[in-house]
PDB file of N, CA and C in Angstrom:
ATOM      1  N   MET A   1     104.914 102.907  83.788  1.00  0.00           N
ATOM      2  CA  MET A   1     105.899 103.878  84.182  1.00  0.00           C
ATOM      3  C   MET A   1     105.892 103.605  85.725  1.00  0.00           C
ATOM      4  N   SER A   2     107.199 103.243  86.306  1.00  0.00           N
ATOM      5  CA  SER A   2     107.541 103.261  87.597  1.00  0.00           C
ATOM      6  C   SER A   2     108.278 104.482  88.225  1.00  0.00           C
ATOM      7  N   VAL A   3     107.703 104.815  89.431  1.00  0.00           N
ATOM      8  CA  VAL A   3     108.332 106.166  89.896  1.00  0.00           C
ATOM      9  C   VAL A   3     108.723 105.749  91.372  1.00  0.00           C
ATOM     10  N   ALA A   4     109.937 106.024  91.788  1.00  0.00           N
ATOM     11  CA  ALA A   4     110.250 105.989  93.354  1.00  0.00           C
ATOM     12  C   ALA A   4     109.737 107.103  94.003  1.00  0.00           C
ATOM     13  N   ILE A   5     109.126 106.665  95.027  1.00  0.00           N
ATOM     14  CA  ILE A   5     108.535 107.733  96.015  1.00  0.00           C
ATOM     15  C   ILE A   5     109.210 107.498  97.495  1.00  0.00           C
ATOM     16  N   LYS A   6     109.052 108.452  98.366  1.00  0.00           N
ATOM     17  CA  LYS A   6     109.580 108.038  99.522  1.00  0.00           C
ATOM     18  C   LYS A   6     108.310 107.998 100.513  1.00  0.00           C
ATOM     19  N   LEU A   7     108.072 107.055 101.273  1.00  0.00           N
ATOM     20  CA  LEU A   7     107.066 106.765 102.219  1.00  0.00           C
ATOM     21  C   LEU A   7     107.519 106.694 103.574  1.00  0.00           C
ATOM     22  N   SER A   8     106.684 107.150 104.574  1.00  0.00           N
ATOM     23  CA  SER A   8     106.952 107.013 105.958  1.00  0.00           C
ATOM     24  C   SER A   8     107.174 105.535 106.227  1.00  0.00           C
ATOM     25  N   ASP A   9     108.099 105.298 107.380  1.00  0.00           N
ATOM     26  CA  ASP A   9     108.337 104.021 107.722  1.00  0.00           C
ATOM     27  C   ASP A   9     106.999 103.501 108.398  1.00  0.00           C
ATOM     28  N   ALA A  10     106.156 104.353 108.952  1.00  0.00           N
ATOM     29  CA  ALA A  10     104.973 103.684 109.687  1.00  0.00           C
ATOM     30  C   ALA A  10     103.842 103.270 108.463  1.00  0.00           C
ATOM     31  N   LEU A  11     103.845 103.959 107.508  1.00  0.00           N
ATOM     32  CA  LEU A  11     102.974 103.659 106.291  1.00  0.00           C
ATOM     33  C   LEU A  11     103.481 102.362 105.577  1.00  0.00           C
ATOM     34  N   ALA A  12     104.813 102.377 105.510  1.00  0.00           N
ATOM     35  CA  ALA A  12     105.393 101.028 104.852  1.00  0.00           C
ATOM     36  C   ALA A  12     105.182 100.016 105.566  1.00  0.00           C
ATOM     37  N   GLN A  13     105.260  99.965 107.022  1.00  0.00           N
ATOM     38  CA  GLN A  13     105.126  98.807 107.890  1.00  0.00           C
ATOM     39  C   GLN A  13     103.505  98.332 107.929  1.00  0.00           C
ATOM     40  N   GLU A  14     102.770  99.454 107.966  1.00  0.00           N
ATOM     41  CA  GLU A  14     101.460  99.115 107.770  1.00  0.00           C
ATOM     42  C   GLU A  14     101.078  98.402 106.423  1.00  0.00           C
ATOM     43  N   ALA A  15     101.410  99.000 105.334  1.00  0.00           N
ATOM     44  CA  ALA A  15     101.325  98.220 104.180  1.00  0.00           C
ATOM     45  C   ALA A  15     101.685  96.887 104.145  1.00  0.00           C
ATOM     46  N   LYS A  16     102.907  96.605 104.712  1.00  0.00           N
ATOM     47  CA  LYS A  16     103.489  95.393 104.640  1.00  0.00           C
ATOM     48  C   LYS A  16     102.569  94.321 105.487  1.00  0.00           C
ATOM     49  N   LEU A  17     102.061  94.826 106.516  1.00  0.00           N
ATOM     50  CA  LEU A  17     101.200  93.858 107.439  1.00  0.00           C
ATOM     51  C   LEU A  17      99.909  93.591 106.577  1.00  0.00           C
ATOM     52  N   TYR A  18      99.233  94.554 105.938  1.00  0.00           N
ATOM     53  CA  TYR A  18      97.982  94.474 105.142  1.00  0.00           C
ATOM     54  C   TYR A  18      98.311  93.551 103.920  1.00  0.00           C
ATOM     55  N   ALA A  19      99.479  93.842 103.354  1.00  0.00           N
ATOM     56  CA  ALA A  19     100.112  93.010 102.203  1.00  0.00           C
ATOM     57  C   ALA A  19     100.109  91.582 102.416  1.00  0.00           C
ATOM     58  N   THR A  20     100.759  91.247 103.413  1.00  0.00           N
ATOM     59  CA  THR A  20     100.777  89.732 103.955  1.00  0.00           C
ATOM     60  C   THR A  20      99.406  89.324 104.144  1.00  0.00           C
ATOM     61  N   ALA A  21      98.759  90.072 104.911  1.00  0.00           N
ATOM     62  CA  ALA A  21      97.216  89.402 105.070  1.00  0.00           C
ATOM     63  C   ALA A  21      96.427  89.149 103.861  1.00  0.00           C
ATOM     64  N   THR A  22      96.754  89.958 102.880  1.00  0.00           N
ATOM     65  CA  THR A  22      95.818  89.998 101.686  1.00  0.00           C
ATOM     66  C   THR A  22      96.624  89.231 100.433  1.00  0.00           C
ATOM     67  N   HIS A  23      97.703  88.796 100.590  1.00  0.00           N
ATOM     68  CA  HIS A  23      98.561  87.994  99.765  1.00  0.00           C
ATOM     69  C   HIS A  23      98.879  88.967  98.513  1.00  0.00           C
ATOM     70  N   ARG A  24      99.235  90.153  98.907  1.00  0.00           N
ATOM     71  CA  ARG A  24      99.629  91.117  97.645  1.00  0.00           C
ATOM     72  C   ARG A  24     101.216  91.562  98.017  1.00  0.00           C
ATOM     73  N   SER A  25     101.903  92.199  97.290  1.00  0.00           N
ATOM     74  CA  SER A  25     103.238  92.819  97.462  1.00  0.00           C
ATOM     75  C   SER A  25     102.975  94.010  98.314  1.00  0.00           C
ATOM     76  N   VAL A  26     103.791  94.587  98.785  1.00  0.00           N
ATOM     77  CA  VAL A  26     103.775  95.848  99.494  1.00  0.00           C
ATOM     78  C   VAL A  26     103.350  97.090  98.362  1.00  0.00           C
ATOM     79  N   PRO A  27     104.195  97.083  97.397  1.00  0.00           N
ATOM     80  CA  PRO A  27     103.784  98.084  96.339  1.00  0.00           C
ATOM     81  C   PRO A  27     102.183  97.845  95.750  1.00  0.00           C
ATOM     82  N   LYS A  28     101.856  96.584  95.556  1.00  0.00           N
ATOM     83  CA  LYS A  28     100.489  96.359  95.039  1.00  0.00           C
ATOM     84  C   LYS A  28      99.412  96.700  96.227  1.00  0.00           C
ATOM     85  N   GLN A  29      99.938  96.592  97.518  1.00  0.00           N
ATOM     86  CA  GLN A  29      98.955  96.975  98.763  1.00  0.00           C
ATOM     87  C   GLN A  29      98.841  98.588  98.583  1.00  0.00           C
ATOM     88  N   ILE A  30      99.932  99.244  98.224  1.00  0.00           N
ATOM     89  CA  ILE A  30      99.708 100.911  98.277  1.00  0.00           C
ATOM     90  C   ILE A  30      99.146 101.038  97.237  1.00  0.00           C
ATOM     91  N   GLU A  31      99.313 100.680  96.013  1.00  0.00           N
ATOM     92  CA  GLU A  31      98.396 100.681  94.648  1.00  0.00           C
ATOM     93  C   GLU A  31      97.092 100.537  95.029  1.00  0.00           C
ATOM     94  N   TYR A  32      96.493  99.517  95.676  1.00  0.00           N
ATOM     95  CA  TYR A  32      95.171  99.409  95.987  1.00  0.00           C
ATOM     96  C   TYR A  32      94.670 100.243  96.885  1.00  0.00           C
ATOM     97  N   TRP A  33      95.259 100.667  97.803  1.00  0.00           N
ATOM     98  CA  TRP A  33      94.968 101.846  98.769  1.00  0.00           C
ATOM     99  C   TRP A  33      94.866 103.112  98.009  1.00  0.00           C
ATOM    100  N   SER A  34      95.572 103.262  97.133  1.00  0.00           N
ATOM    101  CA  SER A  34      95.518 104.617  96.386  1.00  0.00           C
ATOM    102  C   SER A  34      94.302 104.508  95.425  1.00  0.00           C
ATOM    103  N   ARG A  35      94.248 103.639  94.744  1.00  0.00           N
ATOM    104  CA  ARG A  35      92.925 103.249  93.953  1.00  0.00           C
ATOM    105  C   ARG A  35      91.699 103.448  94.467  1.00  0.00           C
ATOM    106  N   ILE A  36      91.514 102.870  95.811  1.00  0.00           N
ATOM    107  CA  ILE A  36      90.312 102.779  96.565  1.00  0.00           C
ATOM    108  C   ILE A  36      90.163 104.232  97.042  1.00  0.00           C
ATOM    109  N   GLY A  37      91.187 105.125  97.362  1.00  0.00           N
ATOM    110  CA  GLY A  37      91.118 106.314  98.061  1.00  0.00           C
ATOM    111  C   GLY A  37      90.660 107.477  96.985  1.00  0.00           C
ATOM    112  N   LYS A  38      91.150 107.215  95.847  1.00  0.00           N
ATOM    113  CA  LYS A  38      90.800 108.028  94.695  1.00  0.00           C
ATOM    114  C   LYS A  38      89.412 107.920  94.252  1.00  0.00           C
ATOM    115  N   LEU A  39      89.027 106.657  94.216  1.00  0.00           N
ATOM    116  CA  LEU A  39      87.645 106.368  93.876  1.00  0.00           C
ATOM    117  C   LEU A  39      86.784 107.032  95.011  1.00  0.00           C
ATOM    118  N   ALA A  40      87.065 106.752  96.261  1.00  0.00           N
ATOM    119  CA  ALA A  40      86.316 107.199  97.316  1.00  0.00           C
ATOM    120  C   ALA A  40      86.115 108.791  97.172  1.00  0.00           C
ATOM    121  N   GLU A  41      87.154 109.618  96.697  1.00  0.00           N
ATOM    122  CA  GLU A  41      87.264 111.036  96.818  1.00  0.00           C
ATOM    123  C   GLU A  41      86.323 111.394  95.538  1.00  0.00           C
ATOM    124  N   GLU A  42      86.419 110.612  94.434  1.00  0.00           N
ATOM    125  CA  GLU A  42      85.593 110.979  93.218  1.00  0.00           C
ATOM    126  C   GLU A  42      84.190 110.544  93.446  1.00  0.00           C
ATOM    127  N   ASN A  43      83.692 109.774  94.289  1.00  0.00           N
ATOM    128  CA  ASN A  43      82.399 109.256  94.657  1.00  0.00           C
ATOM    129  C   ASN A  43      82.227 109.295  96.169  1.00  0.00           C
ATOM    130  N   PRO A  44      81.785 110.556  96.652  1.00  0.00           N
ATOM    131  CA  PRO A  44      81.974 110.556  98.204  1.00  0.00           C
ATOM    132  C   PRO A  44      80.693 109.921  98.762  1.00  0.00           C
ATOM    133  N   ASP A  45      79.732 109.833  97.897  1.00  0.00           N
ATOM    134  CA  ASP A  45      78.498 109.132  98.409  1.00  0.00           C
ATOM    135  C   ASP A  45      78.223 107.682  98.232  1.00  0.00           C
ATOM    136  N   LEU A  46      79.461 106.910  97.645  1.00  0.00           N
ATOM    137  CA  LEU A  46      79.393 105.439  97.678  1.00  0.00           C
ATOM    138  C   LEU A  46      80.138 104.924  98.839  1.00  0.00           C
ATOM    139  N   PRO A  47      79.434 103.875  99.789  1.00  0.00           N
ATOM    140  CA  PRO A  47      79.992 103.116 100.610  1.00  0.00           C
ATOM    141  C   PRO A  47      81.430 102.392 100.203  1.00  0.00           C
ATOM    142  N   PHE A  48      82.208 102.270 101.129  1.00  0.00           N
ATOM    143  CA  PHE A  48      83.589 101.485 100.620  1.00  0.00           C
ATOM    144  C   PHE A  48      83.281 100.287 100.123  1.00  0.00           C
ATOM    145  N   ARG A  49      82.173  99.352 100.762  1.00  0.00           N
ATOM    146  CA  ARG A  49      81.849  98.075 100.224  1.00  0.00           C
ATOM    147  C   ARG A  49      81.418  97.972  99.057  1.00  0.00           C
ATOM    148  N   PHE A  50      80.699  98.909  98.530  1.00  0.00           N
ATOM    149  CA  PHE A  50      80.240  99.098  97.132  1.00  0.00           C
ATOM    150  C   PHE A  50      81.351  99.437  96.227  1.00  0.00           C
ATOM    151  N   ILE A  51      82.464 100.352  96.665  1.00  0.00           N
ATOM    152  CA  ILE A  51      83.494 100.526  95.627  1.00  0.00           C
ATOM    153  C   ILE A  51      84.259  99.371  95.522  1.00  0.00           C
ATOM    154  N   GLN A  52      84.451  98.590  96.676  1.00  0.00           N
ATOM    155  CA  GLN A  52      85.225  97.274  96.537  1.00  0.00           C
ATOM    156  C   GLN A  52      84.625  96.194  95.795  1.00  0.00           C
ATOM    157  N   GLU A  53      83.324  96.083  95.947  1.00  0.00           N
ATOM    158  CA  GLU A  53      82.503  95.112  95.007  1.00  0.00           C
ATOM    159  C   GLU A  53      82.545  95.550  93.688  1.00  0.00           C
ATOM    160  N   THR A  54      82.419  96.781  93.257  1.00  0.00           N
ATOM    161  CA  THR A  54      82.513  97.141  92.014  1.00  0.00           C
ATOM    162  C   THR A  54      83.787  96.930  91.284  1.00  0.00           C
ATOM    163  N   LEU A  55      84.883  97.164  91.895  1.00  0.00           N
ATOM    164  CA  LEU A  55      86.143  96.545  91.486  1.00  0.00           C
ATOM    165  C   LEU A  55      86.338  95.194  91.284  1.00  0.00           C
ATOM    166  N   LEU A  56      85.851  94.388  92.072  1.00  0.00           N
ATOM    167  CA  LEU A  56      85.824  93.104  91.988  1.00  0.00           C
ATOM    168  C   LEU A  56      85.065  92.654  90.781  1.00  0.00           C
ATOM    169  N   ALA A  57      83.908  93.138  90.450  1.00  0.00           N
ATOM    170  CA  ALA A  57      83.001  92.830  89.357  1.00  0.00           C
ATOM    171  C   ALA A  57      83.682  93.319  88.126  1.00  0.00           C
ATOM    172  N   ILE A  58      84.463  94.392  88.153  1.00  0.00           N
ATOM    173  CA  ILE A  58      85.117  94.790  86.959  1.00  0.00           C
ATOM    174  C   ILE A  58      86.116  93.644  86.627  1.00  0.00           C
ATOM    175  N   GLU A  59      86.986  93.256  87.516  1.00  0.00           N
ATOM    176  CA  GLU A  59      87.953  92.202  87.282  1.00  0.00           C
ATOM    177  C   GLU A  59      87.434  90.772  86.845  1.00  0.00           C
ATOM    178  N   GLU A  60      86.298  90.426  87.373  1.00  0.00           N
ATOM    179  CA  GLU A  60      85.334  89.200  87.152  1.00  0.00           C
ATOM    180  C   GLU A  60      85.053  89.398  85.682  1.00  0.00           C
ATOM    181  N   ASN A  61      84.601  90.515  85.272  1.00  0.00           N
ATOM    182  CA  ASN A  61      84.185  90.684  83.827  1.00  0.00           C
ATOM    183  C   ASN A  61      85.163  90.271  82.878  1.00  0.00           C
ATOM    184  N   LYS A  62      86.495  90.676  83.178  1.00  0.00           N
ATOM    185  CA  LYS A  62      87.504  90.538  82.240  1.00  0.00           C
ATOM    186  C   LYS A  62      87.841  89.082  81.889  1.00  0.00           C
ATOM    187  N   ASP A  63      87.288  88.144  82.681  1.00  0.00           N
ATOM    188  CA  ASP A  63      87.318  86.655  82.512  1.00  0.00           C
ATOM    189  C   ASP A  63      86.182  86.180  81.898  1.00  0.00           C
ATOM    190  N   PRO A  64      86.067  85.688  80.765  1.00  0.00           N
ATOM    191  CA  PRO A  64      84.736  85.187  80.248  1.00  0.00           C
ATOM    192  C   PRO A  64      84.297  84.112  80.933  1.00  0.00           C
ATOM    193  N   GLN A  65      84.969  83.236  81.664  1.00  0.00           N
ATOM    194  CA  GLN A  65      84.626  82.004  82.412  1.00  0.00           C
ATOM    195  C   GLN A  65      83.959  82.612  83.746  1.00  0.00           C
ATOM    196  N   GLN A  66      84.076  83.676  84.076  1.00  0.00           N
ATOM    197  CA  GLN A  66      83.304  84.044  85.365  1.00  0.00           C
ATOM    198  C   GLN A  66      82.195  84.784  85.211  1.00  0.00           C
ATOM    199  N   VAL A  67      81.547  85.206  83.887  1.00  0.00           N
ATOM    200  CA  VAL A  67      80.622  85.838  83.349  1.00  0.00           C
ATOM    201  C   VAL A  67      79.740  84.890  82.715  1.00  0.00           C
ATOM    202  N   SER A  68      78.298  85.139  83.174  1.00  0.00           N
ATOM    203  CA  SER A  68      77.164  84.453  82.357  1.00  0.00           C
ATOM    204  C   SER A  68      76.045  85.334  82.105  1.00  0.00           C
ATOM    205  N   ASP A  69      75.386  85.017  81.105  1.00  0.00           N
ATOM    206  CA  ASP A  69      74.246  85.841  80.753  1.00  0.00           C
ATOM    207  C   ASP A  69      73.051  85.735  81.992  1.00  0.00           C
ATOM    208  N   TYR A  70      72.352  86.854  82.252  1.00  0.00           N
ATOM    209  CA  TYR A  70      71.514  86.817  83.248  1.00  0.00           C
ATOM    210  C   TYR A  70      70.192  86.182  82.627  1.00  0.00           C
ATOM    211  N   GLN A  71      69.431  85.315  82.974  1.00  0.00           N
ATOM    212  CA  GLN A  71      68.220  84.872  82.403  1.00  0.00           C
ATOM    213  C   GLN A  71      67.126  85.558  83.254  1.00  0.00           C
ATOM    214  N   PHE A  72      66.186  86.553  82.486  1.00  0.00           N
ATOM    215  CA  PHE A  72      65.089  87.206  83.347  1.00  0.00           C
ATOM    216  C   PHE A  72      63.862  86.000  83.248  1.00  0.00           C
ATOM    217  N   ASP A  73      63.229  85.965  84.281  1.00  0.00           N
ATOM    218  CA  ASP A  73      62.196  85.064  84.358  1.00  0.00           C
ATOM    219  C   ASP A  73      60.806  85.677  83.719  1.00  0.00           C
TER     220      ASP A  73
END
C-alpha cells in the first residue's frame, strides 16, 4: 500500500544525496532509514553495523546461490 506523506525539504534533499550515493531511489532510501531506525528502537543494545549486516544476511539467504552449508571440522 502506498501512502503520500509530507517531508521537509531538508530531509528530501539529504535522502536524495544518500540515495544517489547508494544507488537507491529517494523513496527506497527513506524506507531504508525507516527500517533501520525501527530496528534500532526495537533493539537498543545492537550496534548499527550489526543491524546492517543482519539485514544483508537476510537478503542473501533469500537467494539459494548465495547460501551454502557450513562444514564443521
